[in-house]
Amino acid sequence: IKAYGMRNKVNYYSGTITAIYPNIFTIKSPNYEKSFSYA
């Protein structure tokens, strides 16, 4: 996942999709767990 943030900052995340919810999904890697929305 390539996430565009404020002030042209770009974050990169890689992991496994672990859960699906009505409005978000989560990915997990050994170092973190992060959620993102479909929007």
Full PDB file with SEQRES, HELIX, SHEET, SSBOND, CRYST1, ORIGX, SCALE, CONECT and MASTER records, all heavy atoms in Angstrom:
SEQRES   1 A   39  ILE LYS ALA TYR GLY MET ARG ASN LYS VAL ASN TYR TYR          
SEQRES   2 A   39  SER GLY THR ILE THR ALA ILE TYR PRO ASN ILE PHE THR          
SEQRES   3 A   39  ILE LYS SER PRO ASN TYR GLU LYS SER PHE SER TYR ALA          
HELIX    1 AA1 MET A    6  ASN A    8  5                                   3    
SHEET    1 AA1 2 LYS A   2  TYR A   4  0                                        
SHEET    2 AA1 2 VAL A  10  TYR A  12 -1                                        
SHEET    1 AA2 3 THR A  16  ILE A  20  0                                        
SHEET    2 AA2 3 ILE A  24  LYS A  28 -1                                        
SHEET    3 AA2 3 GLU A  33  SER A  37 -1                                        
CRYST1    1.000    1.000    1.000  90.00  90.00  90.00 P 1           1          
ORIGX1      1.000000  0.000000  0.000000        0.00000                         
ORIGX2      0.000000  1.000000  0.000000        0.00000                         
ORIGX3      0.000000  0.000000  1.000000        0.00000                         
SCALE1      1.000000  0.000000  0.000000        0.00000                         
SCALE2      0.000000  1.000000  0.000000        0.00000                         
SCALE3      0.000000  0.000000  1.000000        0.00000                         
ATOM      1  N   ILE A   1       0.838  -1.191   0.000  1.00  0.00           N  
ATOM      2  CA  ILE A   1       0.000   0.000   0.000  1.00  0.00           C  
ATOM      3  C   ILE A   1       0.874   1.242   0.000  1.00  0.00           C  
ATOM      4  O   ILE A   1       1.824   1.344   0.776  1.00  0.00           O  
ATOM      5  CB  ILE A   1      -0.953   0.003   1.209  1.00  0.00           C  
ATOM      6  CG1 ILE A   1      -1.930  -1.160   1.067  1.00  0.00           C  
ATOM      7  CG2 ILE A   1      -1.686   1.337   1.317  1.00  0.00           C  
ATOM      8  CD1 ILE A   1      -2.948  -1.269   2.153  1.00  0.00           C  
ATOM      9  N   LYS A   2       0.532   2.139  -0.886  1.00  0.00           N  
ATOM     10  CA  LYS A   2       1.208   3.431  -0.975  1.00  0.00           C  
ATOM     11  C   LYS A   2       0.184   4.470  -0.502  1.00  0.00           C  
ATOM     12  O   LYS A   2      -0.855   4.653  -1.136  1.00  0.00           O  
ATOM     13  CB  LYS A   2       1.613   3.690  -2.424  1.00  0.00           C  
ATOM     14  CG  LYS A   2       2.407   4.932  -2.658  1.00  0.00           C  
ATOM     15  CD  LYS A   2       2.786   5.009  -4.145  1.00  0.00           C  
ATOM     16  CE  LYS A   2       3.688   6.171  -4.431  1.00  0.00           C  
ATOM     17  NZ  LYS A   2       4.044   6.222  -5.863  1.00  0.00           N  
ATOM     18  N   ALA A   3       0.468   5.106   0.639  1.00  0.00           N  
ATOM     19  CA  ALA A   3      -0.466   6.059   1.230  1.00  0.00           C  
ATOM     20  C   ALA A   3       0.078   7.474   1.087  1.00  0.00           C  
ATOM     21  O   ALA A   3       1.200   7.757   1.502  1.00  0.00           O  
ATOM     22  CB  ALA A   3      -0.685   5.730   2.696  1.00  0.00           C  
ATOM     23  N   TYR A   4      -0.736   8.341   0.499  1.00  0.00           N  
ATOM     24  CA  TYR A   4      -0.356   9.734   0.315  1.00  0.00           C  
ATOM     25  C   TYR A   4      -0.846  10.537   1.516  1.00  0.00           C  
ATOM     26  O   TYR A   4      -2.022  10.501   1.857  1.00  0.00           O  
ATOM     27  CB  TYR A   4      -0.975  10.290  -0.971  1.00  0.00           C  
ATOM     28  CG  TYR A   4      -0.513   9.552  -2.196  1.00  0.00           C  
ATOM     29  CD1 TYR A   4      -1.258   8.516  -2.744  1.00  0.00           C  
ATOM     30  CD2 TYR A   4       0.691   9.874  -2.802  1.00  0.00           C  
ATOM     31  CE1 TYR A   4      -0.825   7.840  -3.870  1.00  0.00           C  
ATOM     32  CE2 TYR A   4       1.136   9.201  -3.917  1.00  0.00           C  
ATOM     33  CZ  TYR A   4       0.366   8.186  -4.448  1.00  0.00           C  
ATOM     34  OH  TYR A   4       0.799   7.508  -5.550  1.00  0.00           O  
ATOM     35  N   GLY A   5       0.060  11.252   2.156  1.00  0.00           N  
ATOM     36  CA  GLY A   5      -0.290  12.024   3.339  1.00  0.00           C  
ATOM     37  C   GLY A   5      -0.195  13.513   3.093  1.00  0.00           C  
ATOM     38  O   GLY A   5      -0.174  13.985   1.959  1.00  0.00           O  
ATOM     39  N   MET A   6      -0.100  14.240   4.172  1.00  0.00           N  
ATOM     40  CA  MET A   6      -0.017  15.694   4.110  1.00  0.00           C  
ATOM     41  C   MET A   6       1.378  16.124   3.635  1.00  0.00           C  
ATOM     42  O   MET A   6       2.358  15.426   3.856  1.00  0.00           O  
ATOM     43  CB  MET A   6      -0.284  16.294   5.483  1.00  0.00           C  
ATOM     44  CG  MET A   6      -1.633  15.923   6.072  1.00  0.00           C  
ATOM     45  SD  MET A   6      -3.021  16.554   5.130  1.00  0.00           S  
ATOM     46  CE  MET A   6      -2.970  18.251   5.607  1.00  0.00           C  
ATOM     47  N   ARG A   7       1.419  17.281   3.002  1.00  0.00           N  
ATOM     48  CA  ARG A   7       2.676  17.889   2.549  1.00  0.00           C  
ATOM     49  C   ARG A   7       3.502  16.956   1.661  1.00  0.00           C  
ATOM     50  O   ARG A   7       4.707  16.823   1.817  1.00  0.00           O  
ATOM     51  CB  ARG A   7       3.491  18.358   3.736  1.00  0.00           C  
ATOM     52  CG  ARG A   7       2.781  19.403   4.540  1.00  0.00           C  
ATOM     53  CD  ARG A   7       3.626  19.922   5.628  1.00  0.00           C  
ATOM     54  NE  ARG A   7       2.834  20.854   6.428  1.00  0.00           N  
ATOM     55  CZ  ARG A   7       3.297  21.603   7.373  1.00  0.00           C  
ATOM     56  NH1 ARG A   7       4.567  21.553   7.684  1.00  0.00           N  
ATOM     57  NH2 ARG A   7       2.524  22.397   8.047  1.00  0.00           N  
ATOM     58  N   ASN A   8       2.836  16.293   0.767  1.00  0.00           N  
ATOM     59  CA  ASN A   8       3.472  15.400  -0.204  1.00  0.00           C  
ATOM     60  C   ASN A   8       4.246  14.247   0.428  1.00  0.00           C  
ATOM     61  O   ASN A   8       5.173  13.717  -0.172  1.00  0.00           O  
ATOM     62  CB  ASN A   8       4.381  16.194  -1.145  1.00  0.00           C  
ATOM     63  CG  ASN A   8       3.608  17.192  -1.959  1.00  0.00           C  
ATOM     64  OD1 ASN A   8       2.466  16.939  -2.324  1.00  0.00           O  
ATOM     65  ND2 ASN A   8       4.204  18.325  -2.238  1.00  0.00           N  
ATOM     66  N   LYS A   9       3.892  13.879   1.627  1.00  0.00           N  
ATOM     67  CA  LYS A   9       4.539  12.742   2.285  1.00  0.00           C  
ATOM     68  C   LYS A   9       3.884  11.451   1.806  1.00  0.00           C  
ATOM     69  O   LYS A   9       2.661  11.364   1.723  1.00  0.00           O  
ATOM     70  CB  LYS A   9       4.398  12.879   3.799  1.00  0.00           C  
ATOM     71  CG  LYS A   9       5.125  11.809   4.556  1.00  0.00           C  
ATOM     72  CD  LYS A   9       5.039  12.047   6.047  1.00  0.00           C  
ATOM     73  CE  LYS A   9       5.771  10.942   6.772  1.00  0.00           C  
ATOM     74  NZ  LYS A   9       5.615  11.078   8.225  1.00  0.00           N  
ATOM     75  N   VAL A  10       4.702  10.474   1.500  1.00  0.00           N  
ATOM     76  CA  VAL A  10       4.210   9.183   1.043  1.00  0.00           C  
ATOM     77  C   VAL A  10       4.734   8.110   1.983  1.00  0.00           C  
ATOM     78  O   VAL A  10       5.928   8.050   2.270  1.00  0.00           O  
ATOM     79  CB  VAL A  10       4.677   8.888  -0.406  1.00  0.00           C  
ATOM     80  CG1 VAL A  10       4.185   7.535  -0.867  1.00  0.00           C  
ATOM     81  CG2 VAL A  10       4.205   9.975  -1.347  1.00  0.00           C  
ATOM     82  N   ASN A  11       3.818   7.264   2.461  1.00  0.00           N  
ATOM     83  CA  ASN A  11       4.185   6.138   3.323  1.00  0.00           C  
ATOM     84  C   ASN A  11       3.918   4.840   2.581  1.00  0.00           C  
ATOM     85  O   ASN A  11       2.933   4.730   1.847  1.00  0.00           O  
ATOM     86  CB  ASN A  11       3.373   6.161   4.621  1.00  0.00           C  
ATOM     87  CG  ASN A  11       3.694   7.354   5.473  1.00  0.00           C  
ATOM     88  OD1 ASN A  11       4.857   7.674   5.667  1.00  0.00           O  
ATOM     89  ND2 ASN A  11       2.674   8.021   5.975  1.00  0.00           N  
ATOM     90  N   TYR A  12       4.775   3.874   2.802  1.00  0.00           N  
ATOM     91  CA  TYR A  12       4.623   2.566   2.174  1.00  0.00           C  
ATOM     92  C   TYR A  12       4.394   1.519   3.257  1.00  0.00           C  
ATOM     93  O   TYR A  12       5.085   1.513   4.278  1.00  0.00           O  
ATOM     94  CB  TYR A  12       5.886   2.210   1.381  1.00  0.00           C  
ATOM     95  CG  TYR A  12       6.134   3.153   0.232  1.00  0.00           C  
ATOM     96  CD1 TYR A  12       6.940   4.273   0.381  1.00  0.00           C  
ATOM     97  CD2 TYR A  12       5.558   2.925  -1.009  1.00  0.00           C  
ATOM     98  CE1 TYR A  12       7.168   5.143  -0.664  1.00  0.00           C  
ATOM     99  CE2 TYR A  12       5.779   3.792  -2.073  1.00  0.00           C  
ATOM    100  CZ  TYR A  12       6.583   4.898  -1.888  1.00  0.00           C  
ATOM    101  OH  TYR A  12       6.796   5.748  -2.936  1.00  0.00           O  
ATOM    102  N   TYR A  13       3.414   0.665   3.022  1.00  0.00           N  
ATOM    103  CA  TYR A  13       3.107  -0.418   3.946  1.00  0.00           C  
ATOM    104  C   TYR A  13       2.996  -1.705   3.146  1.00  0.00           C  
ATOM    105  O   TYR A  13       2.486  -1.708   2.023  1.00  0.00           O  
ATOM    106  CB  TYR A  13       1.774  -0.169   4.658  1.00  0.00           C  
ATOM    107  CG  TYR A  13       1.711   1.139   5.401  1.00  0.00           C  
ATOM    108  CD1 TYR A  13       1.111   2.258   4.836  1.00  0.00           C  
ATOM    109  CD2 TYR A  13       2.267   1.265   6.667  1.00  0.00           C  
ATOM    110  CE1 TYR A  13       1.056   3.457   5.514  1.00  0.00           C  
ATOM    111  CE2 TYR A  13       2.220   2.467   7.356  1.00  0.00           C  
ATOM    112  CZ  TYR A  13       1.608   3.553   6.768  1.00  0.00           C  
ATOM    113  OH  TYR A  13       1.564   4.747   7.446  1.00  0.00           O  
ATOM    114  N   SER A  14       3.474  -2.781   3.723  1.00  0.00           N  
ATOM    115  CA  SER A  14       3.277  -4.086   3.096  1.00  0.00           C  
ATOM    116  C   SER A  14       2.932  -5.078   4.188  1.00  0.00           C  
ATOM    117  O   SER A  14       3.432  -4.992   5.309  1.00  0.00           O  
ATOM    118  CB  SER A  14       4.519  -4.528   2.321  1.00  0.00           C  
ATOM    119  OG  SER A  14       5.606  -4.666   3.198  1.00  0.00           O  
ATOM    120  N   GLY A  15       2.038  -5.979   3.864  1.00  0.00           N  
ATOM    121  CA  GLY A  15       1.606  -6.971   4.832  1.00  0.00           C  
ATOM    122  C   GLY A  15       0.512  -7.836   4.240  1.00  0.00           C  
ATOM    123  O   GLY A  15       0.290  -7.851   3.034  1.00  0.00           O  
ATOM    124  N   THR A  16      -0.179  -8.530   5.113  1.00  0.00           N  
ATOM    125  CA  THR A  16      -1.239  -9.454   4.727  1.00  0.00           C  
ATOM    126  C   THR A  16      -2.581  -8.873   5.134  1.00  0.00           C  
ATOM    127  O   THR A  16      -2.731  -8.378   6.253  1.00  0.00           O  
ATOM    128  CB  THR A  16      -1.035 -10.807   5.428  1.00  0.00           C  
ATOM    129  OG1 THR A  16       0.266 -11.288   5.108  1.00  0.00           O  
ATOM    130  CG2 THR A  16      -2.061 -11.824   4.985  1.00  0.00           C  
ATOM    131  N   ILE A  17      -3.562  -8.937   4.246  1.00  0.00           N  
ATOM    132  CA  ILE A  17      -4.910  -8.489   4.608  1.00  0.00           C  
ATOM    133  C   ILE A  17      -5.473  -9.511   5.591  1.00  0.00           C  
ATOM    134  O   ILE A  17      -5.632 -10.681   5.265  1.00  0.00           O  
ATOM    135  CB  ILE A  17      -5.811  -8.374   3.367  1.00  0.00           C  
ATOM    136  CG1 ILE A  17      -5.262  -7.336   2.403  1.00  0.00           C  
ATOM    137  CG2 ILE A  17      -7.243  -8.021   3.791  1.00  0.00           C  
ATOM    138  CD1 ILE A  17      -6.040  -7.225   1.104  1.00  0.00           C  
ATOM    139  N   THR A  18      -5.754  -9.049   6.815  1.00  0.00           N  
ATOM    140  CA  THR A  18      -6.170  -9.971   7.866  1.00  0.00           C  
ATOM    141  C   THR A  18      -7.646  -9.898   8.194  1.00  0.00           C  
ATOM    142  O   THR A  18      -8.201 -10.873   8.694  1.00  0.00           O  
ATOM    143  CB  THR A  18      -5.378  -9.715   9.162  1.00  0.00           C  
ATOM    144  OG1 THR A  18      -5.531  -8.355   9.533  1.00  0.00           O  
ATOM    145  CG2 THR A  18      -3.915 -10.046   8.974  1.00  0.00           C  
ATOM    146  N   ALA A  19      -8.295  -8.782   7.949  1.00  0.00           N  
ATOM    147  CA  ALA A  19      -9.706  -8.656   8.309  1.00  0.00           C  
ATOM    148  C   ALA A  19     -10.425  -7.720   7.348  1.00  0.00           C  
ATOM    149  O   ALA A  19      -9.844  -6.756   6.854  1.00  0.00           O  
ATOM    150  CB  ALA A  19      -9.836  -8.136   9.728  1.00  0.00           C  
ATOM    151  N   ILE A  20     -11.697  -8.029   7.120  1.00  0.00           N  
ATOM    152  CA  ILE A  20     -12.554  -7.220   6.275  1.00  0.00           C  
ATOM    153  C   ILE A  20     -13.749  -6.788   7.129  1.00  0.00           C  
ATOM    154  O   ILE A  20     -14.406  -7.615   7.747  1.00  0.00           O  
ATOM    155  CB  ILE A  20     -13.078  -8.045   5.070  1.00  0.00           C  
ATOM    156  CG1 ILE A  20     -11.928  -8.635   4.263  1.00  0.00           C  
ATOM    157  CG2 ILE A  20     -14.026  -7.232   4.220  1.00  0.00           C  
ATOM    158  CD1 ILE A  20     -11.134  -7.651   3.479  1.00  0.00           C  
ATOM    159  N   TYR A  21     -14.003  -5.492   7.164  1.00  0.00           N  
ATOM    160  CA  TYR A  21     -15.130  -4.940   7.904  1.00  0.00           C  
ATOM    161  C   TYR A  21     -15.989  -4.129   6.943  1.00  0.00           C  
ATOM    162  O   TYR A  21     -15.578  -3.876   5.808  1.00  0.00           O  
ATOM    163  CB  TYR A  21     -14.620  -4.051   9.045  1.00  0.00           C  
ATOM    164  CG  TYR A  21     -13.795  -4.807  10.062  1.00  0.00           C  
ATOM    165  CD1 TYR A  21     -12.411  -4.692  10.069  1.00  0.00           C  
ATOM    166  CD2 TYR A  21     -14.391  -5.643  11.001  1.00  0.00           C  
ATOM    167  CE1 TYR A  21     -11.641  -5.383  10.995  1.00  0.00           C  
ATOM    168  CE2 TYR A  21     -13.636  -6.335  11.939  1.00  0.00           C  
ATOM    169  CZ  TYR A  21     -12.261  -6.205  11.930  1.00  0.00           C  
ATOM    170  OH  TYR A  21     -11.511  -6.894  12.841  1.00  0.00           O  
ATOM    171  N   PRO A  22     -17.186  -3.701   7.379  1.00  0.00           N  
ATOM    172  CA  PRO A  22     -18.060  -2.962   6.444  1.00  0.00           C  
ATOM    173  C   PRO A  22     -17.430  -1.713   5.833  1.00  0.00           C  
ATOM    174  O   PRO A  22     -17.665  -1.417   4.664  1.00  0.00           O  
ATOM    175  CB  PRO A  22     -19.264  -2.588   7.316  1.00  0.00           C  
ATOM    176  CG  PRO A  22     -19.304  -3.638   8.363  1.00  0.00           C  
ATOM    177  CD  PRO A  22     -17.858  -3.989   8.640  1.00  0.00           C  
ATOM    178  N   ASN A  23     -16.595  -0.980   6.593  1.00  0.00           N  
ATOM    179  CA  ASN A  23     -16.034   0.262   6.066  1.00  0.00           C  
ATOM    180  C   ASN A  23     -14.519   0.277   5.963  1.00  0.00           C  
ATOM    181  O   ASN A  23     -13.964   1.185   5.359  1.00  0.00           O  
ATOM    182  CB  ASN A  23     -16.474   1.443   6.938  1.00  0.00           C  
ATOM    183  CG  ASN A  23     -17.964   1.651   6.873  1.00  0.00           C  
ATOM    184  OD1 ASN A  23     -18.553   1.580   5.811  1.00  0.00           O  
ATOM    185  ND2 ASN A  23     -18.575   1.889   8.009  1.00  0.00           N  
ATOM    186  N   ILE A  24     -13.849  -0.688   6.563  1.00  0.00           N  
ATOM    187  CA  ILE A  24     -12.382  -0.714   6.562  1.00  0.00           C  
ATOM    188  C   ILE A  24     -11.876  -2.132   6.352  1.00  0.00           C  
ATOM    189  O   ILE A  24     -12.616  -3.108   6.484  1.00  0.00           O  
ATOM    190  CB  ILE A  24     -11.793  -0.144   7.869  1.00  0.00           C  
ATOM    191  CG1 ILE A  24     -12.186  -1.014   9.068  1.00  0.00           C  
ATOM    192  CG2 ILE A  24     -12.184   1.296   8.073  1.00  0.00           C  
ATOM    193  CD1 ILE A  24     -11.441  -0.683  10.342  1.00  0.00           C  
ATOM    194  N   PHE A  25     -10.580  -2.224   6.050  1.00  0.00           N  
ATOM    195  CA  PHE A  25      -9.873  -3.499   6.039  1.00  0.00           C  
ATOM    196  C   PHE A  25      -8.550  -3.283   6.751  1.00  0.00           C  
ATOM    197  O   PHE A  25      -8.056  -2.170   6.847  1.00  0.00           O  
ATOM    198  CB  PHE A  25      -9.671  -4.035   4.613  1.00  0.00           C  
ATOM    199  CG  PHE A  25      -8.817  -3.163   3.736  1.00  0.00           C  
ATOM    200  CD1 PHE A  25      -7.461  -3.436   3.571  1.00  0.00           C  
ATOM    201  CD2 PHE A  25      -9.355  -2.091   3.051  1.00  0.00           C  
ATOM    202  CE1 PHE A  25      -6.664  -2.646   2.761  1.00  0.00           C  
ATOM    203  CE2 PHE A  25      -8.575  -1.290   2.229  1.00  0.00           C  
ATOM    204  CZ  PHE A  25      -7.220  -1.571   2.091  1.00  0.00           C  
ATOM    205  N   THR A  26      -7.984  -4.358   7.289  1.00  0.00           N  
ATOM    206  CA  THR A  26      -6.734  -4.237   8.028  1.00  0.00           C  
ATOM    207  C   THR A  26      -5.657  -5.081   7.377  1.00  0.00           C  
ATOM    208  O   THR A  26      -5.932  -6.139   6.805  1.00  0.00           O  
ATOM    209  CB  THR A  26      -6.888  -4.674   9.497  1.00  0.00           C  
ATOM    210  OG1 THR A  26      -7.289  -6.034   9.543  1.00  0.00           O  
ATOM    211  CG2 THR A  26      -7.906  -3.823  10.220  1.00  0.00           C  
ATOM    212  N   ILE A  27      -4.428  -4.578   7.471  1.00  0.00           N  
ATOM    213  CA  ILE A  27      -3.276  -5.361   7.044  1.00  0.00           C  
ATOM    214  C   ILE A  27      -2.359  -5.520   8.251  1.00  0.00           C  
ATOM    215  O   ILE A  27      -2.332  -4.673   9.141  1.00  0.00           O  
ATOM    216  CB  ILE A  27      -2.519  -4.729   5.860  1.00  0.00           C  
ATOM    217  CG1 ILE A  27      -1.872  -3.408   6.247  1.00  0.00           C  
ATOM    218  CG2 ILE A  27      -3.414  -4.563   4.659  1.00  0.00           C  
ATOM    219  CD1 ILE A  27      -0.817  -2.936   5.267  1.00  0.00           C  
ATOM    220  N   LYS A  28      -1.643  -6.617   8.260  1.00  0.00           N  
ATOM    221  CA  LYS A  28      -0.757  -6.897   9.379  1.00  0.00           C  
ATOM    222  C   LYS A  28       0.590  -7.345   8.850  1.00  0.00           C  
ATOM    223  O   LYS A  28       0.677  -8.125   7.912  1.00  0.00           O  
ATOM    224  CB  LYS A  28      -1.359  -7.988  10.258  1.00  0.00           C  
ATOM    225  CG  LYS A  28      -0.613  -8.208  11.545  1.00  0.00           C  
ATOM    226  CD  LYS A  28      -1.349  -9.174  12.447  1.00  0.00           C  
ATOM    227  CE  LYS A  28      -0.637  -9.257  13.778  1.00  0.00           C  
ATOM    228  NZ  LYS A  28      -1.347 -10.122  14.714  1.00  0.00           N  
ATOM    229  N   SER A  29       1.633  -6.818   9.470  1.00  0.00           N  
ATOM    230  CA  SER A  29       3.002  -7.250   9.198  1.00  0.00           C  
ATOM    231  C   SER A  29       3.627  -7.558  10.558  1.00  0.00           C  
ATOM    232  O   SER A  29       3.012  -7.291  11.588  1.00  0.00           O  
ATOM    233  CB  SER A  29       3.780  -6.169   8.456  1.00  0.00           C  
ATOM    234  OG  SER A  29       4.198  -5.172   9.337  1.00  0.00           O  
ATOM    235  N   PRO A  30       4.835  -8.075  10.592  1.00  0.00           N  
ATOM    236  CA  PRO A  30       5.454  -8.366  11.890  1.00  0.00           C  
ATOM    237  C   PRO A  30       5.621  -7.133  12.776  1.00  0.00           C  
ATOM    238  O   PRO A  30       5.637  -7.250  13.996  1.00  0.00           O  
ATOM    239  CB  PRO A  30       6.819  -8.946  11.515  1.00  0.00           C  
ATOM    240  CG  PRO A  30       6.642  -9.473  10.142  1.00  0.00           C  
ATOM    241  CD  PRO A  30       5.630  -8.588   9.476  1.00  0.00           C  
ATOM    242  N   ASN A  31       5.715  -5.943  12.200  1.00  0.00           N  
ATOM    243  CA  ASN A  31       5.987  -4.740  12.972  1.00  0.00           C  
ATOM    244  C   ASN A  31       4.764  -3.907  13.326  1.00  0.00           C  
ATOM    245  O   ASN A  31       4.825  -3.086  14.235  1.00  0.00           O  
ATOM    246  CB  ASN A  31       6.972  -3.845  12.213  1.00  0.00           C  
ATOM    247  CG  ASN A  31       8.270  -4.558  11.947  1.00  0.00           C  
ATOM    248  OD1 ASN A  31       8.689  -5.403  12.715  1.00  0.00           O  
ATOM    249  ND2 ASN A  31       8.898  -4.235  10.833  1.00  0.00           N  
ATOM    250  N   TYR A  32       3.663  -4.059  12.607  1.00  0.00           N  
ATOM    251  CA  TYR A  32       2.500  -3.199  12.829  1.00  0.00           C  
ATOM    252  C   TYR A  32       1.231  -3.832  12.294  1.00  0.00           C  
ATOM    253  O   TYR A  32       1.266  -4.792  11.521  1.00  0.00           O  
ATOM    254  CB  TYR A  32       2.705  -1.828  12.176  1.00  0.00           C  
ATOM    255  CG  TYR A  32       3.029  -1.912  10.698  1.00  0.00           C  
ATOM    256  CD1 TYR A  32       2.032  -2.039   9.747  1.00  0.00           C  
ATOM    257  CD2 TYR A  32       4.336  -1.872  10.244  1.00  0.00           C  
ATOM    258  CE1 TYR A  32       2.333  -2.135   8.402  1.00  0.00           C  
ATOM    259  CE2 TYR A  32       4.649  -1.957   8.903  1.00  0.00           C  
ATOM    260  CZ  TYR A  32       3.631  -2.080   7.989  1.00  0.00           C  
ATOM    261  OH  TYR A  32       3.930  -2.182   6.662  1.00  0.00           O  
ATOM    262  N   GLU A  33       0.107  -3.262  12.722  1.00  0.00           N  
ATOM    263  CA  GLU A  33      -1.191  -3.576  12.158  1.00  0.00           C  
ATOM    264  C   GLU A  33      -1.839  -2.240  11.806  1.00  0.00           C  
ATOM    265  O   GLU A  33      -1.870  -1.324  12.617  1.00  0.00           O  
ATOM    266  CB  GLU A  33      -2.053  -4.340  13.150  1.00  0.00           C  
ATOM    267  CG  GLU A  33      -3.335  -4.837  12.547  1.00  0.00           C  
ATOM    268  CD  GLU A  33      -4.067  -5.823  13.436  1.00  0.00           C  
ATOM    269  OE1 GLU A  33      -3.653  -6.027  14.588  1.00  0.00           O  
ATOM    270  OE2 GLU A  33      -5.054  -6.380  12.957  1.00  0.00           O  
ATOM    271  N   LYS A  34      -2.332  -2.117  10.586  1.00  0.00           N  
ATOM    272  CA  LYS A  34      -2.807  -0.833  10.090  1.00  0.00           C  
ATOM    273  C   LYS A  34      -4.152  -1.041   9.402  1.00  0.00           C  
ATOM    274  O   LYS A  34      -4.371  -2.057   8.750  1.00  0.00           O  
ATOM    275  CB  LYS A  34      -1.770  -0.301   9.084  1.00  0.00           C  
ATOM    276  CG  LYS A  34      -1.989   1.072   8.612  1.00  0.00           C  
ATOM    277  CD  LYS A  34      -1.356   2.061   9.553  1.00  0.00           C  
ATOM    278  CE  LYS A  34      -1.440   3.442   8.913  1.00  0.00           C  
ATOM    279  NZ  LYS A  34      -1.731   4.469   9.848  1.00  0.00           N  
ATOM    280  N   SER A  35      -5.056  -0.084   9.542  1.00  0.00           N  
ATOM    281  CA  SER A  35      -6.358  -0.184   8.888  1.00  0.00           C  
ATOM    282  C   SER A  35      -6.521   0.929   7.860  1.00  0.00           C  
ATOM    283  O   SER A  35      -5.976   2.030   8.013  1.00  0.00           O  
ATOM    284  CB  SER A  35      -7.480  -0.120   9.919  1.00  0.00           C  
ATOM    285  OG  SER A  35      -7.477   1.109  10.581  1.00  0.00           O  
ATOM    286  N   PHE A  36      -7.276   0.637   6.825  1.00  0.00           N  
ATOM    287  CA  PHE A  36      -7.547   1.577   5.742  1.00  0.00           C  
ATOM    288  C   PHE A  36      -9.015   1.480   5.369  1.00  0.00           C  
ATOM    289  O   PHE A  36      -9.619   0.417   5.488  1.00  0.00           O  
ATOM    290  CB  PHE A  36      -6.701   1.253   4.508  1.00  0.00           C  
ATOM    291  CG  PHE A  36      -5.224   1.299   4.760  1.00  0.00           C  
ATOM    292  CD1 PHE A  36      -4.518   0.149   5.055  1.00  0.00           C  
ATOM    293  CD2 PHE A  36      -4.546   2.506   4.697  1.00  0.00           C  
ATOM    294  CE1 PHE A  36      -3.163   0.185   5.294  1.00  0.00           C  
ATOM    295  CE2 PHE A  36      -3.177   2.552   4.938  1.00  0.00           C  
ATOM    296  CZ  PHE A  36      -2.490   1.397   5.235  1.00  0.00           C  
ATOM    297  N   SER A  37      -9.570   2.565   4.885  1.00  0.00           N  
ATOM    298  CA  SER A  37     -10.974   2.543   4.472  1.00  0.00           C  
ATOM    299  C   SER A  37     -11.065   2.361   2.956  1.00  0.00           C  
ATOM    300  O   SER A  37     -10.136   2.680   2.217  1.00  0.00           O  
ATOM    301  CB  SER A  37     -11.689   3.824   4.900  1.00  0.00           C  
ATOM    302  OG  SER A  37     -11.279   4.905   4.113  1.00  0.00           O  
ATOM    303  N   TYR A  38     -12.216   1.864   2.537  1.00  0.00           N  
ATOM    304  CA  TYR A  38     -12.448   1.706   1.105  1.00  0.00           C  
ATOM    305  C   TYR A  38     -12.552   3.071   0.436  1.00  0.00           C  
ATOM    306  O   TYR A  38     -12.194   3.234  -0.721  1.00  0.00           O  
ATOM    307  CB  TYR A  38     -13.719   0.884   0.867  1.00  0.00           C  
ATOM    308  CG  TYR A  38     -13.692  -0.453   1.574  1.00  0.00           C  
ATOM    309  CD1 TYR A  38     -14.551  -0.727   2.623  1.00  0.00           C  
ATOM    310  CD2 TYR A  38     -12.769  -1.425   1.221  1.00  0.00           C  
ATOM    311  CE1 TYR A  38     -14.509  -1.939   3.287  1.00  0.00           C  
ATOM    312  CE2 TYR A  38     -12.711  -2.640   1.879  1.00  0.00           C  
ATOM    313  CZ  TYR A  38     -13.594  -2.886   2.905  1.00  0.00           C  
ATOM    314  OH  TYR A  38     -13.535  -4.083   3.565  1.00  0.00           O  
ATOM    315  N   ALA A  39     -13.010   4.072   1.183  1.00  0.00           N  
ATOM    316  CA  ALA A  39     -13.108   5.437   0.651  1.00  0.00           C  
ATOM    317  C   ALA A  39     -11.727   5.987   0.302  1.00  0.00           C  
ATOM    318  O   ALA A  39     -11.598   6.773  -0.641  1.00  0.00           O  
ATOM    319  CB  ALA A  39     -13.802   6.342   1.654  1.00  0.00           C  
TER     320      ALA A  39                                                      
MASTER        0    0    0    1    5    0    0    6  319    1    0    3          
END                                                                             
